Amino acid sequence: AIGLKDYQLKAITAGEDALGEATVWIEYNGSVFNGRG
């Protein structure tokens, strides 16, 4: 089991072909860990 805490998605630049950056936060035993894609 993975405790998803938050999720965020944004475009690095403008345009329909923009590079997307996703950030995820998961929670485990009171600690929060973030990842980026």
PDB file of all heavy atoms in Angstrom:
ATOM      1  N   ALA A   1       0.829  -1.210   0.000  1.00  0.00           N
ATOM      2  CA  ALA A   1       0.000   0.000   0.000  1.00  0.00           C
ATOM      3  C   ALA A   1       0.861   1.257   0.000  1.00  0.00           C
ATOM      4  O   ALA A   1       1.871   1.333   0.692  1.00  0.00           O
ATOM      5  CB  ALA A   1      -0.911  -0.004   1.222  1.00  0.00           C
ATOM      6  N   ILE A   2       0.454   2.213  -0.788  1.00  0.00           N
ATOM      7  CA  ILE A   2       1.178   3.487  -0.897  1.00  0.00           C
ATOM      8  C   ILE A   2       0.194   4.600  -0.550  1.00  0.00           C
ATOM      9  O   ILE A   2      -0.879   4.682  -1.147  1.00  0.00           O
ATOM     10  CB  ILE A   2       1.734   3.695  -2.319  1.00  0.00           C
ATOM     11  CG1 ILE A   2       2.717   2.567  -2.671  1.00  0.00           C
ATOM     12  CG2 ILE A   2       2.424   5.052  -2.428  1.00  0.00           C
ATOM     13  CD1 ILE A   2       2.979   2.435  -4.139  1.00  0.00           C
ATOM     14  N   GLY A   3       0.553   5.429   0.404  1.00  0.00           N
ATOM     15  CA  GLY A   3      -0.348   6.501   0.840  1.00  0.00           C
ATOM     16  C   GLY A   3      -0.129   7.775   0.061  1.00  0.00           C
ATOM     17  O   GLY A   3       0.752   8.581   0.406  1.00  0.00           O
ATOM     18  N   LEU A   4      -0.891   7.964  -1.014  1.00  0.00           N
ATOM     19  CA  LEU A   4      -0.772   9.187  -1.809  1.00  0.00           C
ATOM     20  C   LEU A   4      -1.286  10.375  -1.002  1.00  0.00           C
ATOM     21  O   LEU A   4      -2.421  10.378  -0.541  1.00  0.00           O
ATOM     22  CB  LEU A   4      -1.575   9.052  -3.104  1.00  0.00           C
ATOM     23  CG  LEU A   4      -1.573  10.278  -4.027  1.00  0.00           C
ATOM     24  CD1 LEU A   4      -0.171  10.577  -4.531  1.00  0.00           C
ATOM     25  CD2 LEU A   4      -2.531  10.067  -5.198  1.00  0.00           C
ATOM     26  N   LYS A   5      -0.431  11.373  -0.836  1.00  0.00           N
ATOM     27  CA  LYS A   5      -0.807  12.554  -0.049  1.00  0.00           C
ATOM     28  C   LYS A   5      -1.186  13.722  -0.942  1.00  0.00           C
ATOM     29  O   LYS A   5      -2.152  14.420  -0.681  1.00  0.00           O
ATOM     30  CB  LYS A   5       0.364  12.952   0.867  1.00  0.00           C
ATOM     31  CG  LYS A   5       0.090  14.168   1.741  1.00  0.00           C
ATOM     32  CD  LYS A   5       1.271  14.454   2.652  1.00  0.00           C
ATOM     33  CE  LYS A   5       1.059  15.740   3.443  1.00  0.00           C
ATOM     34  NZ  LYS A   5      -0.068  15.620   4.382  1.00  0.00           N
ATOM     35  N   ASP A   6      -0.418  13.926  -2.020  1.00  0.00           N
ATOM     36  CA  ASP A   6      -0.693  15.061  -2.896  1.00  0.00           C
ATOM     37  C   ASP A   6      -0.090  14.800  -4.267  1.00  0.00           C
ATOM     38  O   ASP A   6       0.836  13.999  -4.417  1.00  0.00           O
ATOM     39  CB  ASP A   6      -0.119  16.349  -2.305  1.00  0.00           C
ATOM     40  CG  ASP A   6      -0.818  17.605  -2.818  1.00  0.00           C
ATOM     41  OD1 ASP A   6      -1.714  17.479  -3.676  1.00  0.00           O
ATOM     42  OD2 ASP A   6      -0.476  18.704  -2.358  1.00  0.00           O
ATOM     43  N   TYR A   7      -0.624  15.491  -5.256  1.00  0.00           N
ATOM     44  CA  TYR A   7      -0.172  15.328  -6.640  1.00  0.00           C
ATOM     45  C   TYR A   7      -0.297  16.673  -7.333  1.00  0.00           C
ATOM     46  O   TYR A   7      -1.270  17.406  -7.141  1.00  0.00           O
ATOM     47  CB  TYR A   7      -1.046  14.274  -7.339  1.00  0.00           C
ATOM     48  CG  TYR A   7      -0.952  14.270  -8.846  1.00  0.00           C
ATOM     49  CD1 TYR A   7       0.181  13.790  -9.498  1.00  0.00           C
ATOM     50  CD2 TYR A   7      -2.014  14.737  -9.622  1.00  0.00           C
ATOM     51  CE1 TYR A   7       0.246  13.771 -10.887  1.00  0.00           C
ATOM     52  CE2 TYR A   7      -1.960  14.725 -11.013  1.00  0.00           C
ATOM     53  CZ  TYR A   7      -0.818  14.236 -11.637  1.00  0.00           C
ATOM     54  OH  TYR A   7      -0.745  14.220 -13.010  1.00  0.00           O
ATOM     55  N   GLN A   8       0.704  16.991  -8.147  1.00  0.00           N
ATOM     56  CA  GLN A   8       0.716  18.291  -8.811  1.00  0.00           C
ATOM     57  C   GLN A   8       1.285  18.133 -10.204  1.00  0.00           C
ATOM     58  O   GLN A   8       2.259  17.406 -10.410  1.00  0.00           O
ATOM     59  CB  GLN A   8       1.583  19.244  -7.982  1.00  0.00           C
ATOM     60  CG  GLN A   8       1.701  20.645  -8.525  1.00  0.00           C
ATOM     61  CD  GLN A   8       2.501  21.512  -7.574  1.00  0.00           C
ATOM     62  OE1 GLN A   8       2.017  21.954  -6.555  1.00  0.00           O
ATOM     63  NE2 GLN A   8       3.757  21.728  -7.899  1.00  0.00           N
ATOM     64  N   LEU A   9       0.701  18.815 -11.166  1.00  0.00           N
ATOM     65  CA  LEU A   9       1.163  18.747 -12.551  1.00  0.00           C
ATOM     66  C   LEU A   9       1.243  20.154 -13.105  1.00  0.00           C
ATOM     67  O   LEU A   9       0.318  20.956 -12.920  1.00  0.00           O
ATOM     68  CB  LEU A   9       0.192  17.902 -13.384  1.00  0.00           C
ATOM     69  CG  LEU A   9       0.536  17.689 -14.860  1.00  0.00           C
ATOM     70  CD1 LEU A   9       1.808  16.855 -14.997  1.00  0.00           C
ATOM     71  CD2 LEU A   9      -0.620  17.006 -15.577  1.00  0.00           C
ATOM     72  N   LYS A  10       2.351  20.454 -13.790  1.00  0.00           N
ATOM     73  CA  LYS A  10       2.477  21.776 -14.397  1.00  0.00           C
ATOM     74  C   LYS A  10       3.270  21.668 -15.691  1.00  0.00           C
ATOM     75  O   LYS A  10       3.995  20.686 -15.924  1.00  0.00           O
ATOM     76  CB  LYS A  10       3.166  22.751 -13.440  1.00  0.00           C
ATOM     77  CG  LYS A  10       4.644  22.457 -13.216  1.00  0.00           C
ATOM     78  CD  LYS A  10       5.304  23.570 -12.411  1.00  0.00           C
ATOM     79  CE  LYS A  10       6.816  23.322 -12.291  1.00  0.00           C
ATOM     80  NZ  LYS A  10       7.498  24.397 -11.556  1.00  0.00           N
ATOM     81  N   ALA A  11       3.127  22.675 -16.529  1.00  0.00           N
ATOM     82  CA  ALA A  11       3.908  22.759 -17.763  1.00  0.00           C
ATOM     83  C   ALA A  11       5.150  23.600 -17.510  1.00  0.00           C
ATOM     84  O   ALA A  11       5.080  24.645 -16.862  1.00  0.00           O
ATOM     85  CB  ALA A  11       3.068  23.377 -18.872  1.00  0.00           C
ATOM     86  N   ILE A  12       6.301  23.130 -18.009  1.00  0.00           N
ATOM     87  CA  ILE A  12       7.542  23.892 -17.843  1.00  0.00           C
ATOM     88  C   ILE A  12       7.489  25.181 -18.649  1.00  0.00           C
ATOM     89  O   ILE A  12       7.931  26.236 -18.213  1.00  0.00           O
ATOM     90  CB  ILE A  12       8.758  23.042 -18.274  1.00  0.00           C
ATOM     91  CG1 ILE A  12       8.892  21.803 -17.381  1.00  0.00           C
ATOM     92  CG2 ILE A  12      10.043  23.863 -18.241  1.00  0.00           C
ATOM     93  CD1 ILE A  12       9.196  22.109 -15.927  1.00  0.00           C
ATOM     94  N   THR A  13       6.951  25.083 -19.883  1.00  0.00           N
ATOM     95  CA  THR A  13       6.797  26.264 -20.729  1.00  0.00           C
ATOM     96  C   THR A  13       5.395  26.245 -21.336  1.00  0.00           C
ATOM     97  O   THR A  13       4.618  25.335 -21.081  1.00  0.00           O
ATOM     98  CB  THR A  13       7.851  26.275 -21.856  1.00  0.00           C
ATOM     99  OG1 THR A  13       7.783  25.033 -22.562  1.00  0.00           O
ATOM    100  CG2 THR A  13       9.248  26.466 -21.290  1.00  0.00           C
ATOM    101  N   ALA A  14       5.092  27.227 -22.156  1.00  0.00           N
ATOM    102  CA  ALA A  14       3.771  27.305 -22.785  1.00  0.00           C
ATOM    103  C   ALA A  14       3.720  26.456 -24.049  1.00  0.00           C
ATOM    104  O   ALA A  14       4.745  26.022 -24.569  1.00  0.00           O
ATOM    105  CB  ALA A  14       3.449  28.764 -23.103  1.00  0.00           C
ATOM    106  N   GLY A  15       2.514  26.218 -24.541  1.00  0.00           N
ATOM    107  CA  GLY A  15       2.347  25.506 -25.800  1.00  0.00           C
ATOM    108  C   GLY A  15       1.797  24.116 -25.614  1.00  0.00           C
ATOM    109  O   GLY A  15       1.963  23.486 -24.566  1.00  0.00           O
ATOM    110  N   GLU A  16       1.156  23.595 -26.693  1.00  0.00           N
ATOM    111  CA  GLU A  16       0.540  22.276 -26.615  1.00  0.00           C
ATOM    112  C   GLU A  16       1.558  21.153 -26.505  1.00  0.00           C
ATOM    113  O   GLU A  16       1.233  20.055 -26.063  1.00  0.00           O
ATOM    114  CB  GLU A  16      -0.350  22.048 -27.836  1.00  0.00           C
ATOM    115  CG  GLU A  16       0.403  22.095 -29.147  1.00  0.00           C
ATOM    116  CD  GLU A  16      -0.507  21.949 -30.355  1.00  0.00           C
ATOM    117  OE1 GLU A  16      -1.733  22.156 -30.198  1.00  0.00           O
ATOM    118  OE2 GLU A  16      -0.009  21.642 -31.440  1.00  0.00           O
ATOM    119  N   ASP A  17       2.803  21.420 -26.901  1.00  0.00           N
ATOM    120  CA  ASP A  17       3.851  20.397 -26.806  1.00  0.00           C
ATOM    121  C   ASP A  17       4.775  20.625 -25.616  1.00  0.00           C
ATOM    122  O   ASP A  17       5.908  20.159 -25.583  1.00  0.00           O
ATOM    123  CB  ASP A  17       4.672  20.350 -28.099  1.00  0.00           C
ATOM    124  CG  ASP A  17       5.363  21.686 -28.403  1.00  0.00           C
ATOM    125  OD1 ASP A  17       5.089  22.667 -27.684  1.00  0.00           O
ATOM    126  OD2 ASP A  17       6.149  21.743 -29.362  1.00  0.00           O
ATOM    127  N   ALA A  18       4.286  21.353 -24.621  1.00  0.00           N
ATOM    128  CA  ALA A  18       5.119  21.714 -23.467  1.00  0.00           C
ATOM    129  C   ALA A  18       5.593  20.487 -22.707  1.00  0.00           C
ATOM    130  O   ALA A  18       4.915  19.455 -22.650  1.00  0.00           O
ATOM    131  CB  ALA A  18       4.344  22.626 -22.522  1.00  0.00           C
ATOM    132  N   LEU A  19       6.762  20.604 -22.126  1.00  0.00           N
ATOM    133  CA  LEU A  19       7.298  19.571 -21.245  1.00  0.00           C
ATOM    134  C   LEU A  19       6.532  19.619 -19.929  1.00  0.00           C
ATOM    135  O   LEU A  19       6.391  20.673 -19.321  1.00  0.00           O
ATOM    136  CB  LEU A  19       8.786  19.839 -20.996  1.00  0.00           C
ATOM    137  CG  LEU A  19       9.620  18.778 -20.291  1.00  0.00           C
ATOM    138  CD1 LEU A  19       9.643  17.476 -21.084  1.00  0.00           C
ATOM    139  CD2 LEU A  19      11.039  19.289 -20.073  1.00  0.00           C
ATOM    140  N   GLY A  20       5.993  18.489 -19.525  1.00  0.00           N
ATOM    141  CA  GLY A  20       5.217  18.437 -18.294  1.00  0.00           C
ATOM    142  C   GLY A  20       6.054  17.969 -17.120  1.00  0.00           C
ATOM    143  O   GLY A  20       6.883  17.070 -17.259  1.00  0.00           O
ATOM    144  N   GLU A  21       5.833  18.582 -15.971  1.00  0.00           N
ATOM    145  CA  GLU A  21       6.530  18.193 -14.745  1.00  0.00           C
ATOM    146  C   GLU A  21       5.483  17.782 -13.711  1.00  0.00           C
ATOM    147  O   GLU A  21       4.617  18.571 -13.348  1.00  0.00           O
ATOM    148  CB  GLU A  21       7.361  19.350 -14.209  1.00  0.00           C
ATOM    149  CG  GLU A  21       8.110  19.011 -12.930  1.00  0.00           C
ATOM    150  CD  GLU A  21       8.845  20.205 -12.362  1.00  0.00           C
ATOM    151  OE1 GLU A  21       8.181  21.163 -11.912  1.00  0.00           O
ATOM    152  OE2 GLU A  21      10.086  20.186 -12.379  1.00  0.00           O
ATOM    153  N   ALA A  22       5.573  16.553 -13.257  1.00  0.00           N
ATOM    154  CA  ALA A  22       4.666  16.046 -12.226  1.00  0.00           C
ATOM    155  C   ALA A  22       5.416  15.915 -10.915  1.00  0.00           C
ATOM    156  O   ALA A  22       6.588  15.528 -10.900  1.00  0.00           O
ATOM    157  CB  ALA A  22       4.094  14.694 -12.634  1.00  0.00           C
ATOM    158  N   THR A  23       4.760  16.240  -9.822  1.00  0.00           N
ATOM    159  CA  THR A  23       5.325  16.060  -8.487  1.00  0.00           C
ATOM    160  C   THR A  23       4.304  15.298  -7.645  1.00  0.00           C
ATOM    161  O   THR A  23       3.114  15.627  -7.659  1.00  0.00           O
ATOM    162  CB  THR A  23       5.640  17.411  -7.823  1.00  0.00           C
ATOM    163  OG1 THR A  23       6.458  18.191  -8.696  1.00  0.00           O
ATOM    164  CG2 THR A  23       6.395  17.196  -6.512  1.00  0.00           C
ATOM    165  N   VAL A  24       4.792  14.292  -6.938  1.00  0.00           N
ATOM    166  CA  VAL A  24       3.934  13.440  -6.118  1.00  0.00           C
ATOM    167  C   VAL A  24       4.478  13.419  -4.698  1.00  0.00           C
ATOM    168  O   VAL A  24       5.697  13.362  -4.494  1.00  0.00           O
ATOM    169  CB  VAL A  24       3.889  11.997  -6.683  1.00  0.00           C
ATOM    170  CG1 VAL A  24       3.243  11.046  -5.697  1.00  0.00           C
ATOM    171  CG2 VAL A  24       3.124  11.977  -7.999  1.00  0.00           C
ATOM    172  N   TRP A  25       3.581  13.468  -3.725  1.00  0.00           N
ATOM    173  CA  TRP A  25       3.960  13.301  -2.331  1.00  0.00           C
ATOM    174  C   TRP A  25       3.254  12.060  -1.782  1.00  0.00           C
ATOM    175  O   TRP A  25       2.037  11.918  -1.950  1.00  0.00           O
ATOM    176  CB  TRP A  25       3.553  14.511  -1.499  1.00  0.00           C
ATOM    177  CG  TRP A  25       4.324  15.760  -1.784  1.00  0.00           C
ATOM    178  CD1 TRP A  25       5.399  16.247  -1.101  1.00  0.00           C
ATOM    179  CD2 TRP A  25       4.059  16.719  -2.816  1.00  0.00           C
ATOM    180  NE1 TRP A  25       5.828  17.433  -1.648  1.00  0.00           N
ATOM    181  CE2 TRP A  25       5.020  17.748  -2.713  1.00  0.00           C
ATOM    182  CE3 TRP A  25       3.104  16.802  -3.843  1.00  0.00           C
ATOM    183  CZ2 TRP A  25       5.061  18.837  -3.569  1.00  0.00           C
ATOM    184  CZ3 TRP A  25       3.137  17.880  -4.713  1.00  0.00           C
ATOM    185  CH2 TRP A  25       4.113  18.886  -4.561  1.00  0.00           C
ATOM    186  N   ILE A  26       4.010  11.160  -1.145  1.00  0.00           N
ATOM    187  CA  ILE A  26       3.404  10.011  -0.489  1.00  0.00           C
ATOM    188  C   ILE A  26       3.781  10.039   0.989  1.00  0.00           C
ATOM    189  O   ILE A  26       4.804  10.615   1.368  1.00  0.00           O
ATOM    190  CB  ILE A  26       3.835   8.671  -1.126  1.00  0.00           C
ATOM    191  CG1 ILE A  26       5.353   8.458  -0.989  1.00  0.00           C
ATOM    192  CG2 ILE A  26       3.409   8.599  -2.584  1.00  0.00           C
ATOM    193  CD1 ILE A  26       5.819   7.089  -1.464  1.00  0.00           C
ATOM    194  N   GLU A  27       2.937   9.425   1.813  1.00  0.00           N
ATOM    195  CA  GLU A  27       3.144   9.475   3.265  1.00  0.00           C
ATOM    196  C   GLU A  27       3.282   8.068   3.817  1.00  0.00           C
ATOM    197  O   GLU A  27       2.573   7.146   3.411  1.00  0.00           O
ATOM    198  CB  GLU A  27       1.959  10.182   3.925  1.00  0.00           C
ATOM    199  CG  GLU A  27       2.187  10.549   5.386  1.00  0.00           C
ATOM    200  CD  GLU A  27       1.131  11.510   5.902  1.00  0.00           C
ATOM    201  OE1 GLU A  27       0.082  11.645   5.243  1.00  0.00           O
ATOM    202  OE2 GLU A  27       1.364  12.123   6.953  1.00  0.00           O
ATOM    203  N   TYR A  28       4.236   7.915   4.748  1.00  0.00           N
ATOM    204  CA  TYR A  28       4.440   6.607   5.386  1.00  0.00           C
ATOM    205  C   TYR A  28       4.921   6.830   6.812  1.00  0.00           C
ATOM    206  O   TYR A  28       5.948   7.473   7.046  1.00  0.00           O
ATOM    207  CB  TYR A  28       5.467   5.783   4.608  1.00  0.00           C
ATOM    208  CG  TYR A  28       5.795   4.444   5.234  1.00  0.00           C
ATOM    209  CD1 TYR A  28       4.866   3.408   5.239  1.00  0.00           C
ATOM    210  CD2 TYR A  28       7.031   4.231   5.839  1.00  0.00           C
ATOM    211  CE1 TYR A  28       5.162   2.194   5.815  1.00  0.00           C
ATOM    212  CE2 TYR A  28       7.339   3.011   6.421  1.00  0.00           C
ATOM    213  CZ  TYR A  28       6.400   1.990   6.403  1.00  0.00           C
ATOM    214  OH  TYR A  28       6.700   0.782   6.982  1.00  0.00           O
ATOM    215  N   ASN A  29       4.169   6.326   7.779  1.00  0.00           N
ATOM    216  CA  ASN A  29       4.537   6.443   9.201  1.00  0.00           C
ATOM    217  C   ASN A  29       4.849   7.879   9.616  1.00  0.00           C
ATOM    218  O   ASN A  29       5.810   8.131  10.357  1.00  0.00           O
ATOM    219  CB  ASN A  29       5.736   5.541   9.524  1.00  0.00           C
ATOM    220  CG  ASN A  29       5.315   4.096   9.731  1.00  0.00           C
ATOM    221  OD1 ASN A  29       4.128   3.776   9.770  1.00  0.00           O
ATOM    222  ND2 ASN A  29       6.282   3.208   9.857  1.00  0.00           N
ATOM    223  N   GLY A  30       4.064   8.813   9.129  1.00  0.00           N
ATOM    224  CA  GLY A  30       4.246  10.210   9.507  1.00  0.00           C
ATOM    225  C   GLY A  30       5.267  10.965   8.690  1.00  0.00           C
ATOM    226  O   GLY A  30       5.372  12.185   8.811  1.00  0.00           O
ATOM    227  N   SER A  31       6.057  10.262   7.865  1.00  0.00           N
ATOM    228  CA  SER A  31       7.053  10.921   7.016  1.00  0.00           C
ATOM    229  C   SER A  31       6.497  11.099   5.608  1.00  0.00           C
ATOM    230  O   SER A  31       5.714  10.272   5.128  1.00  0.00           O
ATOM    231  CB  SER A  31       8.340  10.096   6.949  1.00  0.00           C
ATOM    232  OG  SER A  31       8.944  10.004   8.222  1.00  0.00           O
ATOM    233  N   VAL A  32       6.894  12.176   4.949  1.00  0.00           N
ATOM    234  CA  VAL A  32       6.423  12.476   3.598  1.00  0.00           C
ATOM    235  C   VAL A  32       7.605  12.413   2.636  1.00  0.00           C
ATOM    236  O   VAL A  32       8.688  12.923   2.925  1.00  0.00           O
ATOM    237  CB  VAL A  32       5.762  13.860   3.535  1.00  0.00           C
ATOM    238  CG1 VAL A  32       5.343  14.198   2.108  1.00  0.00           C
ATOM    239  CG2 VAL A  32       4.549  13.918   4.463  1.00  0.00           C
ATOM    240  N   PHE A  33       7.394  11.767   1.492  1.00  0.00           N
ATOM    241  CA  PHE A  33       8.432  11.641   0.476  1.00  0.00           C
ATOM    242  C   PHE A  33       7.880  12.159  -0.850  1.00  0.00           C
ATOM    243  O   PHE A  33       6.750  11.859  -1.222  1.00  0.00           O
ATOM    244  CB  PHE A  33       8.861  10.178   0.323  1.00  0.00           C
ATOM    245  CG  PHE A  33       9.312   9.561   1.613  1.00  0.00           C
ATOM    246  CD1 PHE A  33       8.421   8.866   2.418  1.00  0.00           C
ATOM    247  CD2 PHE A  33      10.620   9.708   2.050  1.00  0.00           C
ATOM    248  CE1 PHE A  33       8.828   8.319   3.627  1.00  0.00           C
ATOM    249  CE2 PHE A  33      11.036   9.165   3.256  1.00  0.00           C
ATOM    250  CZ  PHE A  33      10.143   8.460   4.046  1.00  0.00           C
ATOM    251  N   ASN A  34       8.680  12.980  -1.532  1.00  0.00           N
ATOM    252  CA  ASN A  34       8.223  13.533  -2.800  1.00  0.00           C
ATOM    253  C   ASN A  34       9.036  12.971  -3.965  1.00  0.00           C
ATOM    254  O   ASN A  34      10.207  12.628  -3.819  1.00  0.00           O
ATOM    255  CB  ASN A  34       8.300  15.063  -2.798  1.00  0.00           C
ATOM    256  CG  ASN A  34       9.716  15.589  -2.812  1.00  0.00           C
ATOM    257  OD1 ASN A  34      10.427  15.491  -1.823  1.00  0.00           O
ATOM    258  ND2 ASN A  34      10.132  16.150  -3.923  1.00  0.00           N
ATOM    259  N   GLY A  35       8.382  12.844  -5.109  1.00  0.00           N
ATOM    260  CA  GLY A  35       9.048  12.395  -6.321  1.00  0.00           C
ATOM    261  C   GLY A  35       8.693  13.310  -7.474  1.00  0.00           C
ATOM    262  O   GLY A  35       7.645  13.972  -7.473  1.00  0.00           O
ATOM    263  N   ARG A  36       9.559  13.349  -8.469  1.00  0.00           N
ATOM    264  CA  ARG A  36       9.381  14.254  -9.602  1.00  0.00           C
ATOM    265  C   ARG A  36       9.550  13.481 -10.887  1.00  0.00           C
ATOM    266  O   ARG A  36      10.406  12.607 -11.001  1.00  0.00           O
ATOM    267  CB  ARG A  36      10.422  15.374  -9.505  1.00  0.00           C
ATOM    268  CG  ARG A  36      10.415  16.386 -10.630  1.00  0.00           C
ATOM    269  CD  ARG A  36      11.449  17.464 -10.319  1.00  0.00           C
ATOM    270  NE  ARG A  36      11.555  18.456 -11.374  1.00  0.00           N
ATOM    271  CZ  ARG A  36      12.407  18.378 -12.386  1.00  0.00           C
ATOM    272  NH1 ARG A  36      13.231  17.339 -12.474  1.00  0.00           N
ATOM    273  NH2 ARG A  36      12.442  19.315 -13.309  1.00  0.00           N
ATOM    274  N   GLY A  37       8.722  13.779 -11.887  1.00  0.00           N
ATOM    275  CA  GLY A  37       8.825  13.145 -13.192  1.00  0.00           C
ATOM    276  C   GLY A  37       8.693  14.172 -14.291  1.00  0.00           C
ATOM    277  O   GLY A  37       7.969  15.166 -14.149  1.00  0.00           O
TER     278      GLY A  37
END
